Amino acid sequence: MQFPAPQHLLNPHLDSLFYFIIRYIQNTKIVEWVLRIAVFGEFIGHGVFALGFFPSQAIGKSILFLPQKAQWVGWMQNFGISDPALAAKLLMLVGAIDILLAFIVLIRPVRPLLLWMAFWGFWTAIVRPLVGEPIWDFVERWANWGAPLALWYLVKKS
């Protein structure tokens, strides 16, 4: 959306400055909303995966849903969580927190939570090469921590 340069100011230099400020504010808000929606999508998606809202045919009818990212249960063993039931409960807790954070960012981004999301996105990306996955699994997930960090930078301190 473009606004014509304001006609009510007498000084043409102030007109240009006013126009530039208005355009800058508009573009910043657009970028903020793009990042808010991107971070929302990332965390809602990860939360749904962690909660395990995916039917499993391999296990049988006694268990209706399993975490889509089942390798996380195995990866948690590398960090001292050897009980699969505990790992599954932690994944569900993390999934619920991810979904909550996703909605908070969409409604009103909170700077400390955005920093947490950037840290969490970085950790979940870097853990892959730490457990033996290719380094490219980390590289392809840079947006998981980069988008919350960019939004943190863009959102003003309250």
N, C-alpha and C. Protein backbone atom coordinates (compact mmCIF):
# COMPACT_ATOMS: atom_id res chain seq x y z
N MET A 1 0.85 -1.16 0.00
CA MET A 1 0.00 0.00 0.00
C MET A 1 0.90 1.23 0.00
N GLN A 2 0.63 2.16 -0.90
CA GLN A 2 1.44 3.37 -0.97
C GLN A 2 0.60 4.58 -0.57
N PHE A 3 1.24 5.45 0.18
CA PHE A 3 0.60 6.69 0.56
C PHE A 3 1.28 7.82 -0.20
N PRO A 4 0.48 8.76 -0.72
CA PRO A 4 1.10 9.92 -1.37
C PRO A 4 1.82 10.77 -0.33
N ALA A 5 2.82 11.48 -0.77
CA ALA A 5 3.53 12.39 0.14
C ALA A 5 2.53 13.38 0.71
N PRO A 6 2.61 13.67 2.01
CA PRO A 6 1.65 14.58 2.64
C PRO A 6 1.75 15.98 2.05
N GLN A 7 0.59 16.58 1.86
CA GLN A 7 0.53 17.90 1.25
C GLN A 7 0.35 19.01 2.28
N HIS A 8 0.12 18.67 3.53
CA HIS A 8 -0.21 19.67 4.52
C HIS A 8 1.00 20.35 5.16
N LEU A 9 2.18 19.79 4.99
CA LEU A 9 3.37 20.43 5.56
C LEU A 9 3.90 21.47 4.59
N LEU A 10 4.48 22.54 5.13
CA LEU A 10 4.95 23.63 4.28
C LEU A 10 6.34 23.36 3.72
N ASN A 11 7.18 22.66 4.47
CA ASN A 11 8.55 22.43 4.05
C ASN A 11 8.63 21.13 3.24
N PRO A 12 9.09 21.19 1.97
CA PRO A 12 9.15 19.98 1.16
C PRO A 12 10.14 18.94 1.72
N HIS A 13 11.18 19.38 2.45
CA HIS A 13 12.12 18.42 3.05
C HIS A 13 11.45 17.64 4.17
N LEU A 14 10.60 18.33 4.93
CA LEU A 14 9.86 17.63 5.98
C LEU A 14 8.84 16.68 5.38
N ASP A 15 8.25 17.08 4.25
CA ASP A 15 7.32 16.19 3.55
C ASP A 15 8.01 14.88 3.19
N SER A 16 9.20 14.96 2.62
CA SER A 16 9.94 13.78 2.21
C SER A 16 10.33 12.93 3.42
N LEU A 17 10.76 13.57 4.47
CA LEU A 17 11.13 12.84 5.69
C LEU A 17 9.91 12.13 6.28
N PHE A 18 8.78 12.84 6.35
CA PHE A 18 7.56 12.24 6.87
C PHE A 18 7.15 11.03 6.04
N TYR A 19 7.19 11.17 4.73
CA TYR A 19 6.85 10.08 3.81
C TYR A 19 7.77 8.88 4.03
N PHE A 20 9.07 9.12 4.17
CA PHE A 20 10.05 8.05 4.39
C PHE A 20 9.76 7.32 5.71
N ILE A 21 9.45 8.07 6.76
CA ILE A 21 9.17 7.45 8.07
C ILE A 21 7.92 6.58 7.99
N ILE A 22 6.89 7.07 7.35
CA ILE A 22 5.65 6.30 7.21
C ILE A 22 5.92 5.01 6.44
N ARG A 23 6.66 5.09 5.35
CA ARG A 23 6.98 3.89 4.55
C ARG A 23 7.81 2.90 5.36
N TYR A 24 8.77 3.40 6.13
CA TYR A 24 9.62 2.53 6.95
C TYR A 24 8.77 1.79 7.98
N ILE A 25 7.86 2.49 8.65
CA ILE A 25 7.01 1.87 9.65
C ILE A 25 6.13 0.80 9.01
N GLN A 26 5.57 1.09 7.85
CA GLN A 26 4.72 0.12 7.16
C GLN A 26 5.53 -1.14 6.82
N ASN A 27 6.72 -0.98 6.25
CA ASN A 27 7.54 -2.13 5.86
C ASN A 27 7.96 -2.94 7.07
N THR A 28 8.29 -2.28 8.17
CA THR A 28 8.69 -2.97 9.38
C THR A 28 7.54 -3.82 9.91
N LYS A 29 6.34 -3.29 9.90
CA LYS A 29 5.17 -4.05 10.36
C LYS A 29 4.92 -5.26 9.46
N ILE A 30 5.11 -5.11 8.17
CA ILE A 30 4.93 -6.24 7.25
C ILE A 30 5.95 -7.33 7.56
N VAL A 31 7.21 -6.95 7.73
CA VAL A 31 8.26 -7.91 8.06
C VAL A 31 7.95 -8.58 9.40
N GLU A 32 7.51 -7.80 10.38
CA GLU A 32 7.18 -8.38 11.68
C GLU A 32 6.09 -9.45 11.55
N TRP A 33 5.05 -9.16 10.77
CA TRP A 33 3.96 -10.13 10.62
C TRP A 33 4.41 -11.37 9.83
N VAL A 34 5.25 -11.18 8.85
CA VAL A 34 5.78 -12.35 8.13
C VAL A 34 6.55 -13.24 9.10
N LEU A 35 7.39 -12.64 9.94
CA LEU A 35 8.15 -13.42 10.92
C LEU A 35 7.24 -14.05 11.97
N ARG A 36 6.24 -13.33 12.42
CA ARG A 36 5.31 -13.89 13.42
C ARG A 36 4.61 -15.12 12.87
N ILE A 37 4.16 -15.04 11.63
CA ILE A 37 3.47 -16.17 11.01
C ILE A 37 4.44 -17.33 10.77
N ALA A 38 5.66 -17.02 10.37
CA ALA A 38 6.66 -18.07 10.14
C ALA A 38 7.01 -18.79 11.44
N VAL A 39 7.24 -18.04 12.52
CA VAL A 39 7.58 -18.64 13.81
C VAL A 39 6.38 -19.43 14.35
N PHE A 40 5.18 -18.89 14.16
CA PHE A 40 3.98 -19.62 14.56
C PHE A 40 3.93 -20.97 13.84
N GLY A 41 4.12 -20.96 12.54
CA GLY A 41 4.07 -22.20 11.76
C GLY A 41 5.12 -23.20 12.20
N GLU A 42 6.31 -22.71 12.44
CA GLU A 42 7.39 -23.60 12.89
C GLU A 42 7.05 -24.27 14.21
N PHE A 43 6.63 -23.49 15.20
CA PHE A 43 6.40 -24.04 16.53
C PHE A 43 5.09 -24.82 16.63
N ILE A 44 4.08 -24.45 15.86
CA ILE A 44 2.85 -25.24 15.89
C ILE A 44 3.11 -26.60 15.23
N GLY A 45 3.89 -26.58 14.15
CA GLY A 45 4.23 -27.84 13.48
C GLY A 45 5.06 -28.76 14.35
N HIS A 46 6.09 -28.21 14.98
CA HIS A 46 6.92 -29.02 15.87
C HIS A 46 6.13 -29.53 17.07
N GLY A 47 5.24 -28.68 17.58
CA GLY A 47 4.42 -29.09 18.72
C GLY A 47 3.50 -30.25 18.37
N VAL A 48 2.87 -30.17 17.21
CA VAL A 48 1.97 -31.25 16.78
C VAL A 48 2.77 -32.54 16.59
N PHE A 49 3.95 -32.44 15.97
CA PHE A 49 4.79 -33.63 15.82
C PHE A 49 5.15 -34.22 17.18
N ALA A 50 5.56 -33.37 18.12
CA ALA A 50 5.99 -33.86 19.43
C ALA A 50 4.83 -34.47 20.21
N LEU A 51 3.62 -33.93 20.04
CA LEU A 51 2.47 -34.52 20.73
C LEU A 51 2.08 -35.86 20.12
N GLY A 52 2.49 -36.09 18.89
CA GLY A 52 2.26 -37.38 18.27
C GLY A 52 0.88 -37.55 17.66
N PHE A 53 0.36 -36.53 17.03
CA PHE A 53 -0.95 -36.64 16.40
C PHE A 53 -0.85 -37.28 15.02
N PHE A 54 -0.26 -38.47 14.99
CA PHE A 54 -0.13 -39.20 13.74
C PHE A 54 -0.42 -40.66 14.02
N PRO A 55 -1.42 -41.23 13.37
CA PRO A 55 -1.76 -42.63 13.63
C PRO A 55 -0.58 -43.54 13.30
N SER A 56 -0.45 -44.58 14.08
CA SER A 56 0.62 -45.55 13.86
C SER A 56 0.01 -46.90 13.52
N GLN A 57 0.33 -47.41 12.34
CA GLN A 57 -0.14 -48.75 11.97
C GLN A 57 0.85 -49.81 12.43
N ALA A 58 2.11 -49.43 12.66
CA ALA A 58 3.15 -50.41 12.97
C ALA A 58 3.00 -50.98 14.38
N ILE A 59 2.49 -50.21 15.30
CA ILE A 59 2.45 -50.65 16.69
C ILE A 59 1.21 -51.50 16.97
N GLY A 60 0.14 -51.19 16.38
CA GLY A 60 -1.09 -51.94 16.65
C GLY A 60 -2.17 -51.04 17.19
N LYS A 61 -3.27 -51.64 17.55
CA LYS A 61 -4.43 -50.85 17.93
C LYS A 61 -4.40 -50.41 19.39
N SER A 62 -3.51 -50.96 20.20
CA SER A 62 -3.49 -50.56 21.60
C SER A 62 -2.93 -49.16 21.79
N ILE A 63 -2.05 -48.71 20.91
CA ILE A 63 -1.52 -47.36 20.97
C ILE A 63 -2.03 -46.61 19.74
N LEU A 64 -2.82 -45.58 19.98
CA LEU A 64 -3.42 -44.86 18.86
C LEU A 64 -2.46 -43.90 18.19
N PHE A 65 -1.62 -43.24 18.98
CA PHE A 65 -0.76 -42.21 18.42
C PHE A 65 0.65 -42.35 18.98
N LEU A 66 1.63 -42.11 18.15
CA LEU A 66 3.02 -42.10 18.55
C LEU A 66 3.66 -40.82 18.05
N PRO A 67 4.72 -40.36 18.71
CA PRO A 67 5.42 -39.19 18.17
C PRO A 67 5.94 -39.46 16.76
N GLN A 68 5.68 -38.56 15.86
CA GLN A 68 6.16 -38.70 14.49
C GLN A 68 7.68 -38.75 14.46
N LYS A 69 8.30 -37.99 15.31
CA LYS A 69 9.76 -37.94 15.36
C LYS A 69 10.26 -38.92 16.43
N ALA A 70 10.00 -40.21 16.23
CA ALA A 70 10.35 -41.23 17.22
C ALA A 70 11.84 -41.29 17.50
N GLN A 71 12.67 -40.83 16.56
CA GLN A 71 14.11 -40.87 16.80
C GLN A 71 14.50 -40.00 17.98
N TRP A 72 13.66 -39.02 18.35
CA TRP A 72 13.98 -38.18 19.51
C TRP A 72 14.06 -39.01 20.79
N VAL A 73 13.22 -40.04 20.90
CA VAL A 73 13.27 -40.90 22.08
C VAL A 73 14.65 -41.56 22.16
N GLY A 74 15.14 -42.04 21.03
CA GLY A 74 16.49 -42.62 20.99
C GLY A 74 17.57 -41.58 21.25
N TRP A 75 17.40 -40.39 20.70
CA TRP A 75 18.40 -39.34 20.89
C TRP A 75 18.48 -38.92 22.35
N MET A 76 17.36 -38.95 23.05
CA MET A 76 17.36 -38.55 24.46
C MET A 76 18.24 -39.47 25.29
N GLN A 77 18.40 -40.70 24.84
CA GLN A 77 19.29 -41.61 25.57
C GLN A 77 20.73 -41.09 25.58
N ASN A 78 21.12 -40.39 24.53
CA ASN A 78 22.47 -39.81 24.48
C ASN A 78 22.67 -38.73 25.55
N PHE A 79 21.57 -38.22 26.09
CA PHE A 79 21.65 -37.15 27.08
C PHE A 79 21.14 -37.60 28.45
N GLY A 80 21.13 -38.92 28.67
CA GLY A 80 20.84 -39.45 29.99
C GLY A 80 19.40 -39.82 30.28
N ILE A 81 18.51 -39.72 29.32
CA ILE A 81 17.11 -40.11 29.53
C ILE A 81 16.92 -41.46 28.86
N SER A 82 17.08 -42.53 29.63
CA SER A 82 17.07 -43.87 29.04
C SER A 82 15.70 -44.53 29.05
N ASP A 83 14.77 -44.01 29.85
CA ASP A 83 13.44 -44.59 29.92
C ASP A 83 12.58 -44.06 28.76
N PRO A 84 12.16 -44.94 27.84
CA PRO A 84 11.36 -44.48 26.69
C PRO A 84 10.03 -43.83 27.11
N ALA A 85 9.43 -44.31 28.19
CA ALA A 85 8.16 -43.72 28.63
C ALA A 85 8.38 -42.28 29.11
N LEU A 86 9.46 -42.06 29.86
CA LEU A 86 9.78 -40.71 30.31
C LEU A 86 10.10 -39.81 29.12
N ALA A 87 10.86 -40.33 28.15
CA ALA A 87 11.19 -39.55 26.96
C ALA A 87 9.92 -39.15 26.20
N ALA A 88 8.98 -40.09 26.09
CA ALA A 88 7.72 -39.78 25.39
C ALA A 88 6.93 -38.72 26.15
N LYS A 89 6.92 -38.79 27.48
CA LYS A 89 6.22 -37.76 28.27
C LYS A 89 6.88 -36.40 28.11
N LEU A 90 8.20 -36.39 28.11
CA LEU A 90 8.91 -35.12 27.90
C LEU A 90 8.62 -34.55 26.52
N LEU A 91 8.56 -35.41 25.51
CA LEU A 91 8.21 -34.93 24.16
C LEU A 91 6.82 -34.32 24.14
N MET A 92 5.89 -34.94 24.85
CA MET A 92 4.53 -34.38 24.89
C MET A 92 4.52 -33.04 25.61
N LEU A 93 5.29 -32.91 26.68
CA LEU A 93 5.39 -31.63 27.39
C LEU A 93 5.99 -30.57 26.49
N VAL A 94 7.07 -30.92 25.82
CA VAL A 94 7.72 -29.98 24.89
C VAL A 94 6.75 -29.60 23.77
N GLY A 95 5.99 -30.56 23.27
CA GLY A 95 5.02 -30.27 22.22
C GLY A 95 3.96 -29.29 22.68
N ALA A 96 3.46 -29.47 23.89
CA ALA A 96 2.45 -28.55 24.43
C ALA A 96 3.03 -27.15 24.60
N ILE A 97 4.27 -27.08 25.08
CA ILE A 97 4.92 -25.78 25.26
C ILE A 97 5.14 -25.10 23.91
N ASP A 98 5.57 -25.88 22.91
CA ASP A 98 5.77 -25.32 21.57
C ASP A 98 4.47 -24.73 21.02
N ILE A 99 3.37 -25.44 21.20
CA ILE A 99 2.08 -24.94 20.69
C ILE A 99 1.66 -23.68 21.43
N LEU A 100 1.84 -23.66 22.73
CA LEU A 100 1.52 -22.46 23.52
C LEU A 100 2.35 -21.27 23.04
N LEU A 101 3.65 -21.48 22.88
CA LEU A 101 4.52 -20.40 22.41
C LEU A 101 4.12 -19.93 21.01
N ALA A 102 3.71 -20.85 20.16
CA ALA A 102 3.28 -20.48 18.81
C ALA A 102 2.13 -19.48 18.85
N PHE A 103 1.15 -19.75 19.70
CA PHE A 103 0.00 -18.85 19.78
C PHE A 103 0.36 -17.52 20.45
N ILE A 104 1.26 -17.57 21.43
CA ILE A 104 1.68 -16.32 22.06
C ILE A 104 2.36 -15.41 21.04
N VAL A 105 3.23 -15.97 20.20
CA VAL A 105 3.92 -15.17 19.18
C VAL A 105 2.92 -14.59 18.19
N LEU A 106 1.92 -15.36 17.84
CA LEU A 106 0.93 -14.87 16.89
C LEU A 106 0.10 -13.74 17.50
N ILE A 107 -0.25 -13.87 18.76
CA ILE A 107 -1.08 -12.86 19.42
C ILE A 107 -0.27 -11.62 19.79
N ARG A 108 0.84 -11.84 20.50
CA ARG A 108 1.69 -10.72 20.92
C ARG A 108 3.08 -11.24 21.24
N PRO A 109 4.06 -10.99 20.38
CA PRO A 109 5.41 -11.49 20.64
C PRO A 109 5.98 -10.91 21.93
N VAL A 110 6.57 -11.76 22.73
CA VAL A 110 7.20 -11.37 23.99
C VAL A 110 8.69 -11.64 23.85
N ARG A 111 9.50 -10.61 24.03
CA ARG A 111 10.94 -10.72 23.75
C ARG A 111 11.64 -11.86 24.48
N PRO A 112 11.46 -12.03 25.79
CA PRO A 112 12.16 -13.15 26.43
C PRO A 112 11.73 -14.52 25.87
N LEU A 113 10.46 -14.65 25.53
CA LEU A 113 10.01 -15.91 24.94
C LEU A 113 10.60 -16.12 23.55
N LEU A 114 10.77 -15.04 22.80
CA LEU A 114 11.41 -15.15 21.49
C LEU A 114 12.86 -15.59 21.61
N LEU A 115 13.54 -15.11 22.64
CA LEU A 115 14.92 -15.57 22.87
C LEU A 115 14.95 -17.05 23.21
N TRP A 116 13.99 -17.48 24.04
CA TRP A 116 13.90 -18.91 24.35
C TRP A 116 13.65 -19.71 23.07
N MET A 117 12.75 -19.23 22.22
CA MET A 117 12.42 -19.93 20.98
C MET A 117 13.63 -20.01 20.06
N ALA A 118 14.42 -18.95 20.02
CA ALA A 118 15.65 -18.97 19.22
C ALA A 118 16.63 -20.00 19.79
N PHE A 119 16.79 -20.00 21.11
CA PHE A 119 17.66 -20.99 21.75
C PHE A 119 17.17 -22.40 21.48
N TRP A 120 15.86 -22.62 21.67
CA TRP A 120 15.29 -23.96 21.50
C TRP A 120 15.41 -24.41 20.04
N GLY A 121 15.16 -23.50 19.11
CA GLY A 121 15.33 -23.83 17.70
C GLY A 121 16.77 -24.19 17.37
N PHE A 122 17.71 -23.46 17.97
CA PHE A 122 19.13 -23.75 17.76
C PHE A 122 19.47 -25.11 18.35
N TRP A 123 19.03 -25.37 19.57
CA TRP A 123 19.35 -26.63 20.23
C TRP A 123 18.80 -27.82 19.45
N THR A 124 17.53 -27.73 19.03
CA THR A 124 16.95 -28.87 18.32
C THR A 124 17.58 -29.06 16.95
N ALA A 125 18.21 -28.03 16.43
CA ALA A 125 18.93 -28.18 15.16
C ALA A 125 20.32 -28.75 15.38
N ILE A 126 21.04 -28.24 16.39
CA ILE A 126 22.42 -28.67 16.61
C ILE A 126 22.49 -30.07 17.21
N VAL A 127 21.42 -30.52 17.85
CA VAL A 127 21.45 -31.85 18.46
C VAL A 127 21.61 -32.94 17.40
N ARG A 128 21.17 -32.67 16.20
CA ARG A 128 21.25 -33.68 15.15
C ARG A 128 22.69 -34.10 14.85
N PRO A 129 23.60 -33.17 14.55
CA PRO A 129 24.98 -33.63 14.35
C PRO A 129 25.62 -34.16 15.63
N LEU A 130 25.15 -33.72 16.78
CA LEU A 130 25.70 -34.22 18.04
C LEU A 130 25.38 -35.69 18.27
N VAL A 131 24.28 -36.17 17.69
CA VAL A 131 23.91 -37.58 17.84
C VAL A 131 24.27 -38.41 16.61
N GLY A 132 25.02 -37.81 15.69
CA GLY A 132 25.51 -38.58 14.56
C GLY A 132 24.83 -38.34 13.23
N GLU A 133 23.86 -37.45 13.19
CA GLU A 133 23.21 -37.11 11.91
C GLU A 133 24.15 -36.20 11.11
N PRO A 134 23.93 -36.07 9.81
CA PRO A 134 24.79 -35.18 9.00
C PRO A 134 24.67 -33.72 9.43
N ILE A 135 25.75 -32.99 9.25
CA ILE A 135 25.78 -31.57 9.59
C ILE A 135 24.71 -30.79 8.81
N TRP A 136 24.33 -31.30 7.65
CA TRP A 136 23.34 -30.61 6.82
C TRP A 136 21.96 -30.62 7.47
N ASP A 137 21.71 -31.58 8.37
CA ASP A 137 20.45 -31.54 9.12
C ASP A 137 20.40 -30.32 10.03
N PHE A 138 21.57 -29.88 10.48
CA PHE A 138 21.66 -28.65 11.27
C PHE A 138 21.52 -27.43 10.36
N VAL A 139 22.23 -27.43 9.26
CA VAL A 139 22.23 -26.28 8.35
C VAL A 139 20.82 -26.00 7.83
N GLU A 140 20.09 -27.05 7.46
CA GLU A 140 18.76 -26.82 6.88
C GLU A 140 17.77 -26.28 7.91
N ARG A 141 18.13 -26.32 9.18
CA ARG A 141 17.24 -25.84 10.23
C ARG A 141 17.66 -24.49 10.79
N TRP A 142 18.49 -23.76 10.11
CA TRP A 142 18.91 -22.44 10.59
C TRP A 142 17.73 -21.50 10.76
N ALA A 143 16.72 -21.63 9.94
CA ALA A 143 15.54 -20.76 10.07
C ALA A 143 14.80 -21.03 11.37
N ASN A 144 14.96 -22.24 11.94
CA ASN A 144 14.28 -22.57 13.20
C ASN A 144 14.73 -21.67 14.35
N TRP A 145 15.95 -21.20 14.29
CA TRP A 145 16.42 -20.26 15.32
C TRP A 145 16.58 -18.85 14.75
N GLY A 146 16.80 -18.75 13.46
CA GLY A 146 16.99 -17.44 12.85
C GLY A 146 15.73 -16.60 12.82
N ALA A 147 14.59 -17.21 12.54
CA ALA A 147 13.33 -16.44 12.48
C ALA A 147 12.94 -15.90 13.85
N PRO A 148 12.97 -16.71 14.93
CA PRO A 148 12.65 -16.12 16.23
C PRO A 148 13.65 -15.04 16.65
N LEU A 149 14.92 -15.24 16.30
CA LEU A 149 15.94 -14.25 16.66
C LEU A 149 15.71 -12.94 15.89
N ALA A 150 15.36 -13.04 14.61
CA ALA A 150 15.07 -11.84 13.82
C ALA A 150 13.85 -11.12 14.38
N LEU A 151 12.83 -11.88 14.77
CA LEU A 151 11.64 -11.26 15.34
C LEU A 151 11.97 -10.61 16.69
N TRP A 152 12.80 -11.27 17.50
CA TRP A 152 13.25 -10.68 18.76
C TRP A 152 13.91 -9.32 18.51
N TYR A 153 14.75 -9.26 17.49
CA TYR A 153 15.46 -8.03 17.15
C TYR A 153 14.48 -6.94 16.69
N LEU A 154 13.45 -7.35 15.95
CA LEU A 154 12.52 -6.41 15.37
C LEU A 154 11.51 -5.86 16.38
N VAL A 155 11.09 -6.69 17.32
CA VAL A 155 10.08 -6.29 18.31
C VAL A 155 10.74 -5.37 19.33
N LYS A 156 10.12 -4.24 19.54
CA LYS A 156 10.67 -3.24 20.46
C LYS A 156 10.53 -3.69 21.91
N LYS A 157 11.46 -3.21 22.72
CA LYS A 157 11.36 -3.48 24.16
C LYS A 157 10.16 -2.75 24.71
N SER A 158 9.38 -3.44 25.58
CA SER A 158 8.20 -2.79 26.14
C SER A 158 8.53 -2.06 27.41
